[in-house]
Every structure is written in structure tokens, then in C-alpha cells.
Amino acid sequence: MQFKSSVLARVLLVLCLACTLLETRGQVIMGQIVDQSTGQPIAYVNIGVVGAGVGTVSDDQGMFRLRIDDLPDDAILRYSMLGYQSIDQELRQVRQAATSSDHTIRMTSIALELPQITVNPRDYKAIRAGNELTRPNLNAGFFYNDLGNELGTMVAIKARPAFVDQVNLHLAYCQYDTIFYRLNIYRTESGQPVERIYSSPLIIDYRGHQGEDVYVDLREAQVLVEDDFLVSLELIRELGEGGLMFCAGFLKDKTWYRKTSQASWETSNVGIGISVDIRQEKK
């Protein structure tokens, strides 16, 4: 009887330790992201574990919620937003902070260094590039429907500077009353997207849209690209049930996609309907 009691006690101890470990590892963290100087909430901040498909986006009040199950303590969680200095934290630190009643992330704003722009209309010509697809029979859309999901098209300009005047989204159909995404433009290195290059976040908010093409005018933003670039859409607000599908086609520029802001980019051989109107330097 004493032997059985001893074994039972050890089993209970192991179970308690296992439950404690699961509570720590299988954890949901919540918090708010604010501006360091003003204390105001920062909307639509990217939050993601570096190199992993785990992440989310803060809401319009800077609030976020993220499950970090089965991730090691030394994994890095990154908070990033155009116009702010990124913050990296080990999950060990995040898990400790998450037990506090005040889990607030304070981000420091930074000045954006924009290139000096001189426009001479005689030296530029208008071009439409990318995937100008208009038939809805073949369509494709977001591979995931979680906050931070992103997909887009690479635009080749052969190392000749150009201004991006307009982005054209060729939609097959839209099942949402509202489509609310972020439009991103990335410069590339060695054929890979590496850094956002637009001057401010661009939110696409069309109410009652029925699937016609969407045109985003960027002329006032003066977006200058110097080599091939990626144009993408990123889901930054919960849209509920539904779908947003693009006209698609084979033998077109590949679709680039990733699950969260810190996940690796992947490609699909099916191209989606995203094109751009650019003004490019003449040869």
C-alpha cells in the first residue's frame, strides 16, 4: 500500500509539472502597443515570431492577441511598423511580461529618409506592368485568412528607376461588405522582398464593393522604385466569413505570399491580377 501511494504521488507530481509546462508553453499573450512619446495607440502593427508562421496585427486601438504554443523561450518576437523603430523580444521575456496586468509595448517613432525626387516629364514614359488579368473564370485569393496574411506580385523594371502612379487590383469576386487591407510595396535584393518602400501605410477600405477592379492612386505619395519590386495586399482587420478572389492565370508573374510578417516568403506558379501603372525613365 505504501509503495502504491508513493507511485501515485510521483505520478501526480509529474502531471502537475507537465501542466505547469503546458501553461507556460501553450500560452496566449495579450497587450497594447502605444507611441512612446504620446501614449496614443498604434494601429495595425505587425507582430510576428521571426522565421515562423506565427503572428498577428494590432487592431485600431493597438490591442493584440497572439497564441505562442510550442515555441522555445529563445525565439524572437518582433513588433514592426513603418515609421517606428522595430522591437525584438525573446519569448522568455514576453511570457514573463504577459503575466503583468499592464502588458504595454512602447514604440519609438523615427524619421523616414525619403529619396530626393526630381521629376522631368520628358525623361519618363507611362507603362502598365504586372499581371493585367480580367477573366474571372480562373481565380485565386488569400492562401490563409488570418491577420498578417499577405500576397502579391513581383514587378520587373530591369534596374531602371520608375514612379509607381497607380496599383490596379483585378478582382474576380468579393464576398465582403468591406475590404480592409494594407497595400505594401517592397524593394528587393537578389530577387527577394526585403524592405517596404512606400512613404506611409495605405489602407484600402471600399464599402459595398461587388468585385469590380480596384484602383489605388499613388501619385501624391511619389513612390520611387529603382529596381524590381513587390506589390502586395496584407490582411490587417478581421473581415468575417467571405472571400476576396483575384482573376488569375498561368504563365504569368508568380504569386508571392507569406502567412505572417516574419514568416518566409513563398511563391505559387499561379499569377494573380495585380498590375501597376508606372512612369519609367526612358532608355
C-alpha atoms as a PDB file:
ATOM      1  CA  MET A   1       0.000   0.000   0.000  1.00  0.00           C
ATOM      2  CA  GLN A   2       2.834   2.411   0.832  1.00  0.00           C
ATOM      3  CA  PHE A   3       4.506   1.524  -2.488  1.00  0.00           C
ATOM      4  CA  LYS A   4       1.310   2.263  -4.406  1.00  0.00           C
ATOM      5  CA  SER A   5       0.878   5.560  -2.561  1.00  0.00           C
ATOM      6  CA  SER A   6       4.451   6.543  -3.373  1.00  0.00           C
ATOM      7  CA  VAL A   7       3.979   5.752  -7.064  1.00  0.00           C
ATOM      8  CA  LEU A   8       0.696   7.677  -7.109  1.00  0.00           C
ATOM      9  CA  ALA A   9       2.367  10.690  -5.510  1.00  0.00           C
ATOM     10  CA  ARG A  10       5.123  10.658  -8.118  1.00  0.00           C
ATOM     11  CA  VAL A  11       2.599  10.382 -10.943  1.00  0.00           C
ATOM     12  CA  LEU A  12       0.669  13.335  -9.543  1.00  0.00           C
ATOM     13  CA  LEU A  13       3.890  15.342  -9.240  1.00  0.00           C
ATOM     14  CA  VAL A  14       4.812  14.610 -12.869  1.00  0.00           C
ATOM     15  CA  LEU A  15       1.308  15.588 -14.003  1.00  0.00           C
ATOM     16  CA  CYS A  16       1.498  18.847 -12.054  1.00  0.00           C
ATOM     17  CA  LEU A  17       4.860  19.674 -13.601  1.00  0.00           C
ATOM     18  CA  ALA A  18       3.544  18.813 -17.059  1.00  0.00           C
ATOM     19  CA  CYS A  19       0.510  21.042 -16.564  1.00  0.00           C
ATOM     20  CA  THR A  20       2.737  23.896 -15.428  1.00  0.00           C
ATOM     21  CA  LEU A  21       4.920  23.461 -18.500  1.00  0.00           C
ATOM     22  CA  LEU A  22       1.906  23.377 -20.801  1.00  0.00           C
ATOM     23  CA  GLU A  23       0.512  26.501 -19.154  1.00  0.00           C
ATOM     24  CA  THR A  24       3.790  28.277 -19.855  1.00  0.00           C
ATOM     25  CA  ARG A  25       4.429  26.926 -23.342  1.00  0.00           C
ATOM     26  CA  GLY A  26       0.840  26.857 -24.556  1.00  0.00           C
ATOM     27  CA  GLN A  27       0.147  30.493 -23.867  1.00  0.00           C
ATOM     28  CA  VAL A  28      -1.883  33.313 -25.339  1.00  0.00           C
ATOM     29  CA  ILE A  29      -0.299  36.733 -24.900  1.00  0.00           C
ATOM     30  CA  MET A  30      -2.312  39.936 -25.000  1.00  0.00           C
ATOM     31  CA  GLY A  31      -1.299  43.564 -24.822  1.00  0.00           C
ATOM     32  CA  GLN A  32      -1.420  47.028 -26.316  1.00  0.00           C
ATOM     33  CA  ILE A  33       1.053  48.914 -28.498  1.00  0.00           C
ATOM     34  CA  VAL A  34       1.394  52.663 -27.980  1.00  0.00           C
ATOM     35  CA  ASP A  35       3.573  55.539 -29.131  1.00  0.00           C
ATOM     36  CA  GLN A  36       6.451  56.104 -26.692  1.00  0.00           C
ATOM     37  CA  SER A  37       6.102  59.900 -26.793  1.00  0.00           C
ATOM     38  CA  THR A  38       2.351  60.453 -26.969  1.00  0.00           C
ATOM     39  CA  GLY A  39       0.971  57.315 -25.351  1.00  0.00           C
ATOM     40  CA  GLN A  40      -1.522  57.028 -28.219  1.00  0.00           C
ATOM     41  CA  PRO A  41      -2.388  53.534 -29.523  1.00  0.00           C
ATOM     42  CA  ILE A  42      -0.662  52.449 -32.745  1.00  0.00           C
ATOM     43  CA  ALA A  43      -2.998  50.666 -35.146  1.00  0.00           C
ATOM     44  CA  TYR A  44      -2.067  47.779 -37.452  1.00  0.00           C
ATOM     45  CA  VAL A  45       1.400  46.992 -36.096  1.00  0.00           C
ATOM     46  CA  ASN A  46       2.893  43.731 -37.382  1.00  0.00           C
ATOM     47  CA  ILE A  47       3.652  41.245 -34.601  1.00  0.00           C
ATOM     48  CA  GLY A  48       5.394  38.019 -35.570  1.00  0.00           C
ATOM     49  CA  VAL A  49       7.863  35.363 -34.481  1.00  0.00           C
ATOM     50  CA  VAL A  50      10.972  35.662 -36.660  1.00  0.00           C
ATOM     51  CA  GLY A  51      11.265  32.775 -39.113  1.00  0.00           C
ATOM     52  CA  ALA A  52       7.970  31.198 -38.067  1.00  0.00           C
ATOM     53  CA  GLY A  53       4.426  31.307 -39.394  1.00  0.00           C
ATOM     54  CA  VAL A  54       3.123  32.755 -36.132  1.00  0.00           C
ATOM     55  CA  GLY A  55       1.931  36.324 -35.956  1.00  0.00           C
ATOM     56  CA  THR A  56      -0.887  38.847 -35.967  1.00  0.00           C
ATOM     57  CA  VAL A  57      -1.651  42.563 -36.403  1.00  0.00           C
ATOM     58  CA  SER A  58      -2.766  45.033 -33.737  1.00  0.00           C
ATOM     59  CA  ASP A  59      -6.296  46.427 -34.082  1.00  0.00           C
ATOM     60  CA  ASP A  60      -7.295  50.082 -34.456  1.00  0.00           C
ATOM     61  CA  GLN A  61      -6.771  50.572 -30.695  1.00  0.00           C
ATOM     62  CA  GLY A  62      -3.323  48.978 -30.703  1.00  0.00           C
ATOM     63  CA  MET A  63      -4.615  45.837 -28.966  1.00  0.00           C
ATOM     64  CA  PHE A  64      -3.350  42.402 -29.954  1.00  0.00           C
ATOM     65  CA  ARG A  65      -3.740  38.746 -29.033  1.00  0.00           C
ATOM     66  CA  LEU A  66      -1.305  36.014 -30.091  1.00  0.00           C
ATOM     67  CA  ARG A  67      -1.010  32.313 -29.296  1.00  0.00           C
ATOM     68  CA  ILE A  68       2.611  31.198 -28.884  1.00  0.00           C
ATOM     69  CA  ASP A  69       2.198  27.467 -28.285  1.00  0.00           C
ATOM     70  CA  ASP A  70       5.196  25.135 -28.587  1.00  0.00           C
ATOM     71  CA  LEU A  71       7.719  27.879 -29.298  1.00  0.00           C
ATOM     72  CA  PRO A  72      11.092  27.968 -27.490  1.00  0.00           C
ATOM     73  CA  ASP A  73      11.918  30.674 -24.980  1.00  0.00           C
ATOM     74  CA  ASP A  74      14.779  31.976 -27.143  1.00  0.00           C
ATOM     75  CA  ALA A  75      12.554  32.562 -30.202  1.00  0.00           C
ATOM     76  CA  ILE A  76      12.315  36.241 -31.178  1.00  0.00           C
ATOM     77  CA  LEU A  77       9.015  38.123 -31.313  1.00  0.00           C
ATOM     78  CA  ARG A  78       9.242  41.241 -33.464  1.00  0.00           C
ATOM     79  CA  TYR A  79       6.980  44.316 -33.435  1.00  0.00           C
ATOM     80  CA  SER A  80       7.347  46.324 -36.658  1.00  0.00           C
ATOM     81  CA  MET A  81       5.625  49.288 -38.257  1.00  0.00           C
ATOM     82  CA  LEU A  82       6.645  51.772 -40.923  1.00  0.00           C
ATOM     83  CA  GLY A  83       7.779  54.972 -39.213  1.00  0.00           C
ATOM     84  CA  TYR A  84       8.715  53.242 -35.949  1.00  0.00           C
ATOM     85  CA  GLN A  85      11.812  51.500 -34.642  1.00  0.00           C
ATOM     86  CA  SER A  86      11.237  47.743 -34.545  1.00  0.00           C
ATOM     87  CA  ILE A  87      11.286  45.974 -31.176  1.00  0.00           C
ATOM     88  CA  ASP A  88      12.665  42.445 -30.713  1.00  0.00           C
ATOM     89  CA  GLN A  89      11.921  40.415 -27.591  1.00  0.00           C
ATOM     90  CA  GLU A  90      12.769  36.854 -26.617  1.00  0.00           C
ATOM     91  CA  LEU A  91       9.653  34.830 -25.876  1.00  0.00           C
ATOM     92  CA  ARG A  92      11.100  34.236 -22.417  1.00  0.00           C
ATOM     93  CA  GLN A  93      10.745  37.963 -21.750  1.00  0.00           C
ATOM     94  CA  VAL A  94       7.336  38.107 -23.433  1.00  0.00           C
ATOM     95  CA  ARG A  95       5.962  35.262 -21.319  1.00  0.00           C
ATOM     96  CA  GLN A  96       7.118  36.956 -18.136  1.00  0.00           C
ATOM     97  CA  ALA A  97       5.634  40.306 -19.169  1.00  0.00           C
ATOM     98  CA  ALA A  98       2.358  38.667 -20.177  1.00  0.00           C
ATOM     99  CA  THR A  99       1.682  37.791 -16.550  1.00  0.00           C
ATOM    100  CA  SER A 100       1.594  41.509 -15.728  1.00  0.00           C
ATOM    101  CA  SER A 101      -1.707  43.361 -15.675  1.00  0.00           C
ATOM    102  CA  ASP A 102      -0.076  46.094 -17.802  1.00  0.00           C
ATOM    103  CA  HIS A 103       1.494  44.471 -20.865  1.00  0.00           C
ATOM    104  CA  THR A 104       2.160  47.597 -22.906  1.00  0.00           C
ATOM    105  CA  ILE A 105       4.627  47.805 -25.794  1.00  0.00           C
ATOM    106  CA  ARG A 106       6.001  51.317 -26.365  1.00  0.00           C
ATOM    107  CA  MET A 107       7.388  52.005 -29.841  1.00  0.00           C
ATOM    108  CA  THR A 108       9.632  54.945 -30.726  1.00  0.00           C
ATOM    109  CA  SER A 109       8.853  56.896 -33.890  1.00  0.00           C
ATOM    110  CA  ILE A 110      11.666  57.503 -36.379  1.00  0.00           C
ATOM    111  CA  ALA A 111      12.028  59.923 -39.264  1.00  0.00           C
ATOM    112  CA  LEU A 112      11.670  58.345 -42.683  1.00  0.00           C
ATOM    113  CA  GLU A 113      14.519  59.162 -45.029  1.00  0.00           C
ATOM    114  CA  LEU A 114      12.835  59.683 -48.387  1.00  0.00           C
ATOM    115  CA  PRO A 115      14.922  59.978 -51.565  1.00  0.00           C
ATOM    116  CA  GLN A 116      15.342  63.344 -53.233  1.00  0.00           C
ATOM    117  CA  ILE A 117      12.954  63.336 -56.194  1.00  0.00           C
ATOM    118  CA  THR A 118      13.394  65.369 -59.353  1.00  0.00           C
ATOM    119  CA  VAL A 119      10.703  64.849 -61.977  1.00  0.00           C
ATOM    120  CA  ASN A 120      11.329  65.691 -65.621  1.00  0.00           C
ATOM    121  CA  PRO A 121       8.284  64.573 -67.670  1.00  0.00           C
ATOM    122  CA  ARG A 122      10.307  64.456 -70.877  1.00  0.00           C
ATOM    123  CA  ASP A 123      12.511  61.705 -69.465  1.00  0.00           C
ATOM    124  CA  TYR A 124       9.713  59.314 -68.422  1.00  0.00           C
ATOM    125  CA  LYS A 125       7.163  57.183 -70.251  1.00  0.00           C
ATOM    126  CA  ALA A 126       3.952  55.597 -68.945  1.00  0.00           C
ATOM    127  CA  ILE A 127       3.899  51.782 -68.717  1.00  0.00           C
ATOM    128  CA  ARG A 128       1.454  49.232 -67.319  1.00  0.00           C
ATOM    129  CA  ALA A 129       3.338  46.289 -65.781  1.00  0.00           C
ATOM    130  CA  GLY A 130       2.475  43.203 -63.737  1.00  0.00           C
ATOM    131  CA  ASN A 131      -0.487  40.870 -64.273  1.00  0.00           C
ATOM    132  CA  GLU A 132      -3.345  42.613 -66.061  1.00  0.00           C
ATOM    133  CA  LEU A 133      -5.814  39.721 -65.825  1.00  0.00           C
ATOM    134  CA  THR A 134      -9.502  40.342 -66.441  1.00  0.00           C
ATOM    135  CA  ARG A 135     -11.191  36.937 -66.843  1.00  0.00           C
ATOM    136  CA  PRO A 136     -12.775  35.695 -63.580  1.00  0.00           C
ATOM    137  CA  ASN A 137     -13.128  32.050 -64.714  1.00  0.00           C
ATOM    138  CA  LEU A 138      -9.761  31.175 -63.159  1.00  0.00           C
ATOM    139  CA  ASN A 139      -9.284  32.870 -59.819  1.00  0.00           C
ATOM    140  CA  ALA A 140      -7.142  32.728 -56.714  1.00  0.00           C
ATOM    141  CA  GLY A 141      -7.033  34.591 -53.428  1.00  0.00           C
ATOM    142  CA  PHE A 142      -5.565  34.581 -49.964  1.00  0.00           C
ATOM    143  CA  PHE A 143      -3.942  31.291 -49.001  1.00  0.00           C
ATOM    144  CA  TYR A 144      -4.743  31.953 -45.335  1.00  0.00           C
ATOM    145  CA  ASN A 145      -7.383  34.145 -43.732  1.00  0.00           C
ATOM    146  CA  ASP A 146      -5.550  35.241 -40.598  1.00  0.00           C
ATOM    147  CA  LEU A 147      -4.320  38.695 -39.624  1.00  0.00           C
ATOM    148  CA  GLY A 148      -0.982  39.417 -41.251  1.00  0.00           C
ATOM    149  CA  ASN A 149      -1.541  37.151 -44.270  1.00  0.00           C
ATOM    150  CA  GLU A 150      -0.035  38.727 -47.349  1.00  0.00           C
ATOM    151  CA  LEU A 151       0.162  38.026 -51.079  1.00  0.00           C
ATOM    152  CA  GLY A 152       1.279  39.941 -54.110  1.00  0.00           C
ATOM    153  CA  THR A 153       3.044  40.178 -57.456  1.00  0.00           C
ATOM    154  CA  MET A 154       6.659  40.921 -58.358  1.00  0.00           C
ATOM    155  CA  VAL A 155       7.051  43.691 -60.934  1.00  0.00           C
ATOM    156  CA  ALA A 156      10.190  43.688 -63.092  1.00  0.00           C
ATOM    157  CA  ILE A 157      11.580  47.057 -64.214  1.00  0.00           C
ATOM    158  CA  LYS A 158      15.155  45.957 -65.070  1.00  0.00           C
ATOM    159  CA  ALA A 159      17.034  48.349 -62.791  1.00  0.00           C
ATOM    160  CA  ARG A 160      15.547  51.477 -64.361  1.00  0.00           C
ATOM    161  CA  PRO A 161      14.055  53.946 -61.846  1.00  0.00           C
ATOM    162  CA  ALA A 162      10.304  54.489 -62.017  1.00  0.00           C
ATOM    163  CA  PHE A 163       7.467  56.163 -60.144  1.00  0.00           C
ATOM    164  CA  VAL A 164       4.520  53.984 -59.128  1.00  0.00           C
ATOM    165  CA  ASP A 165       1.470  56.066 -60.061  1.00  0.00           C
ATOM    166  CA  GLN A 166      -1.311  53.523 -59.560  1.00  0.00           C
ATOM    167  CA  VAL A 167      -1.911  49.969 -58.357  1.00  0.00           C
ATOM    168  CA  ASN A 168      -4.686  48.024 -60.092  1.00  0.00           C
ATOM    169  CA  LEU A 169      -6.394  45.075 -58.373  1.00  0.00           C
ATOM    170  CA  HIS A 170      -8.221  42.906 -60.906  1.00  0.00           C
ATOM    171  CA  LEU A 171     -10.845  41.130 -58.792  1.00  0.00           C
ATOM    172  CA  ALA A 172     -12.869  38.064 -59.777  1.00  0.00           C
ATOM    173  CA  TYR A 173     -15.329  38.466 -56.916  1.00  0.00           C
ATOM    174  CA  CYS A 174     -15.628  39.887 -53.420  1.00  0.00           C
ATOM    175  CA  GLN A 175     -17.890  38.434 -50.714  1.00  0.00           C
ATOM    176  CA  TYR A 176     -17.227  41.142 -48.123  1.00  0.00           C
ATOM    177  CA  ASP A 177     -19.275  44.234 -47.437  1.00  0.00           C
ATOM    178  CA  THR A 178     -15.987  45.953 -46.676  1.00  0.00           C
ATOM    179  CA  ILE A 179     -12.476  45.112 -47.840  1.00  0.00           C
ATOM    180  CA  PHE A 180      -9.875  46.496 -45.487  1.00  0.00           C
ATOM    181  CA  TYR A 181      -6.279  45.615 -46.299  1.00  0.00           C
ATOM    182  CA  ARG A 182      -2.895  47.282 -46.305  1.00  0.00           C
ATOM    183  CA  LEU A 183      -1.146  47.884 -49.599  1.00  0.00           C
ATOM    184  CA  ASN A 184       2.597  47.254 -49.346  1.00  0.00           C
ATOM    185  CA  ILE A 185       5.406  47.942 -51.803  1.00  0.00           C
ATOM    186  CA  TYR A 186       8.786  46.302 -51.183  1.00  0.00           C
ATOM    187  CA  ARG A 187      12.185  46.829 -52.700  1.00  0.00           C
ATOM    188  CA  THR A 188      14.100  43.650 -53.491  1.00  0.00           C
ATOM    189  CA  GLU A 189      17.600  42.257 -53.189  1.00  0.00           C
ATOM    190  CA  SER A 190      18.699  39.157 -55.120  1.00  0.00           C
ATOM    191  CA  GLY A 191      15.108  38.624 -56.179  1.00  0.00           C
ATOM    192  CA  GLN A 192      13.703  38.636 -52.625  1.00  0.00           C
ATOM    193  CA  PRO A 193      11.478  41.273 -50.950  1.00  0.00           C
ATOM    194  CA  VAL A 194      13.470  42.931 -48.173  1.00  0.00           C
ATOM    195  CA  GLU A 195      12.020  46.312 -47.166  1.00  0.00           C
ATOM    196  CA  ARG A 196       8.851  48.364 -47.529  1.00  0.00           C
ATOM    197  CA  ILE A 197       9.481  51.496 -49.564  1.00  0.00           C
ATOM    198  CA  TYR A 198       6.200  53.423 -49.557  1.00  0.00           C
ATOM    199  CA  SER A 199       6.079  56.588 -47.500  1.00  0.00           C
ATOM    200  CA  SER A 200       3.017  55.774 -45.390  1.00  0.00           C
ATOM    201  CA  PRO A 201       0.610  52.885 -44.772  1.00  0.00           C
ATOM    202  CA  LEU A 202      -2.115  52.655 -47.400  1.00  0.00           C
ATOM    203  CA  ILE A 203      -5.440  51.294 -46.212  1.00  0.00           C
ATOM    204  CA  ILE A 204      -7.949  50.065 -48.807  1.00  0.00           C
ATOM    205  CA  ASP A 205     -11.467  50.451 -47.420  1.00  0.00           C
ATOM    206  CA  TYR A 206     -14.238  50.046 -50.010  1.00  0.00           C
ATOM    207  CA  ARG A 207     -17.764  49.557 -48.700  1.00  0.00           C
ATOM    208  CA  GLY A 208     -20.293  47.629 -50.741  1.00  0.00           C
ATOM    209  CA  HIS A 209     -17.703  46.648 -53.340  1.00  0.00           C
ATOM    210  CA  GLN A 210     -19.044  43.970 -55.718  1.00  0.00           C
ATOM    211  CA  GLY A 211     -15.881  42.592 -57.280  1.00  0.00           C
ATOM    212  CA  GLU A 212     -15.030  45.207 -59.898  1.00  0.00           C
ATOM    213  CA  ASP A 213     -11.429  46.261 -60.308  1.00  0.00           C
ATOM    214  CA  VAL A 214      -9.982  48.471 -57.582  1.00  0.00           C
ATOM    215  CA  TYR A 215      -7.631  51.310 -58.493  1.00  0.00           C
ATOM    216  CA  VAL A 216      -5.329  52.878 -55.895  1.00  0.00           C
ATOM    217  CA  ASP A 217      -3.890  56.261 -56.885  1.00  0.00           C
ATOM    218  CA  LEU A 218      -0.348  56.741 -55.534  1.00  0.00           C
ATOM    219  CA  ARG A 219       0.694  59.849 -57.444  1.00  0.00           C
ATOM    220  CA  GLU A 220       0.686  62.072 -54.357  1.00  0.00           C
ATOM    221  CA  ALA A 221       2.798  59.520 -52.452  1.00  0.00           C
ATOM    222  CA  GLN A 222       5.640  59.890 -55.015  1.00  0.00           C
ATOM    223  CA  VAL A 223       6.690  56.238 -54.628  1.00  0.00           C
ATOM    224  CA  LEU A 224      10.045  55.827 -56.370  1.00  0.00           C
ATOM    225  CA  VAL A 225      11.420  52.358 -57.175  1.00  0.00           C
ATOM    226  CA  GLU A 226      14.897  51.716 -58.550  1.00  0.00           C
ATOM    227  CA  ASP A 227      14.704  48.011 -59.366  1.00  0.00           C
ATOM    228  CA  ASP A 228      12.233  45.116 -59.370  1.00  0.00           C
ATOM    229  CA  PHE A 229       9.652  45.487 -56.599  1.00  0.00           C
ATOM    230  CA  LEU A 230       6.837  43.543 -54.947  1.00  0.00           C
ATOM    231  CA  VAL A 231       3.283  44.882 -54.651  1.00  0.00           C
ATOM    232  CA  SER A 232       1.216  43.073 -52.021  1.00  0.00           C
ATOM    233  CA  LEU A 233      -2.009  43.149 -50.032  1.00  0.00           C
ATOM    234  CA  GLU A 234      -1.974  42.349 -46.314  1.00  0.00           C
ATOM    235  CA  LEU A 235      -4.986  41.433 -44.190  1.00  0.00           C
ATOM    236  CA  ILE A 236      -4.993  43.760 -41.166  1.00  0.00           C
ATOM    237  CA  ARG A 237      -8.596  43.630 -39.955  1.00  0.00           C
ATOM    238  CA  GLU A 238     -10.958  40.765 -39.193  1.00  0.00           C
ATOM    239  CA  LEU A 239     -13.417  40.585 -42.090  1.00  0.00           C
ATOM    240  CA  GLY A 240     -15.524  37.612 -41.009  1.00  0.00           C
ATOM    241  CA  GLU A 241     -16.897  34.993 -43.376  1.00  0.00           C
ATOM    242  CA  GLY A 242     -16.327  35.549 -47.065  1.00  0.00           C
ATOM    243  CA  GLY A 243     -13.543  35.775 -49.587  1.00  0.00           C
ATOM    244  CA  LEU A 244     -11.609  38.110 -51.857  1.00  0.00           C
ATOM    245  CA  MET A 245     -10.525  36.465 -55.111  1.00  0.00           C
ATOM    246  CA  PHE A 246      -8.402  37.832 -57.937  1.00  0.00           C
ATOM    247  CA  CYS A 247      -8.553  36.973 -61.603  1.00  0.00           C
ATOM    248  CA  ALA A 248      -5.703  34.513 -62.102  1.00  0.00           C
ATOM    249  CA  GLY A 249      -3.687  32.828 -64.833  1.00  0.00           C
ATOM    250  CA  PHE A 250      -0.790  30.527 -65.601  1.00  0.00           C
ATOM    251  CA  LEU A 251       2.425  31.603 -67.346  1.00  0.00           C
ATOM    252  CA  LYS A 252       2.159  34.945 -65.572  1.00  0.00           C
ATOM    253  CA  ASP A 253       4.317  36.557 -62.898  1.00  0.00           C
ATOM    254  CA  LYS A 254       4.278  34.298 -59.839  1.00  0.00           C
ATOM    255  CA  THR A 255       2.254  34.990 -56.724  1.00  0.00           C
ATOM    256  CA  TRP A 256       4.303  35.723 -53.623  1.00  0.00           C
ATOM    257  CA  TYR A 257       2.727  35.010 -50.246  1.00  0.00           C
ATOM    258  CA  ARG A 258       3.503  34.552 -46.575  1.00  0.00           C
ATOM    259  CA  LYS A 259       1.466  33.720 -43.514  1.00  0.00           C
ATOM    260  CA  THR A 260       2.738  36.478 -41.202  1.00  0.00           C
ATOM    261  CA  SER A 261       5.068  39.472 -41.299  1.00  0.00           C
ATOM    262  CA  GLN A 262       8.098  37.495 -40.055  1.00  0.00           C
ATOM    263  CA  ALA A 263       7.464  34.269 -41.999  1.00  0.00           C
ATOM    264  CA  SER A 264       9.487  33.411 -45.099  1.00  0.00           C
ATOM    265  CA  TRP A 265       8.099  34.366 -48.488  1.00  0.00           C
ATOM    266  CA  GLU A 266       6.847  31.544 -50.715  1.00  0.00           C
ATOM    267  CA  THR A 267       5.736  31.508 -54.352  1.00  0.00           C
ATOM    268  CA  SER A 268       2.982  29.928 -56.442  1.00  0.00           C
ATOM    269  CA  ASN A 269       3.058  29.376 -60.208  1.00  0.00           C
ATOM    270  CA  VAL A 270      -0.458  30.803 -60.500  1.00  0.00           C
ATOM    271  CA  GLY A 271      -0.307  34.550 -61.080  1.00  0.00           C
ATOM    272  CA  ILE A 272      -2.945  36.862 -59.591  1.00  0.00           C
ATOM    273  CA  GLY A 273      -4.433  40.004 -61.113  1.00  0.00           C
ATOM    274  CA  ILE A 274      -2.314  42.836 -59.738  1.00  0.00           C
ATOM    275  CA  SER A 275      -0.850  45.362 -62.167  1.00  0.00           C
ATOM    276  CA  VAL A 276       0.749  48.781 -61.774  1.00  0.00           C
ATOM    277  CA  ASP A 277       0.921  51.980 -63.792  1.00  0.00           C
ATOM    278  CA  ILE A 278       4.437  53.379 -63.650  1.00  0.00           C
ATOM    279  CA  ARG A 279       6.431  56.239 -65.151  1.00  0.00           C
ATOM    280  CA  GLN A 280       9.827  54.874 -66.069  1.00  0.00           C
ATOM    281  CA  GLU A 281      12.995  56.558 -67.237  1.00  0.00           C
ATOM    282  CA  LYS A 282      13.474  56.296 -70.974  1.00  0.00           C
ATOM    283  CA  LYS A 283      16.496  54.418 -72.241  1.00  0.00           C
END
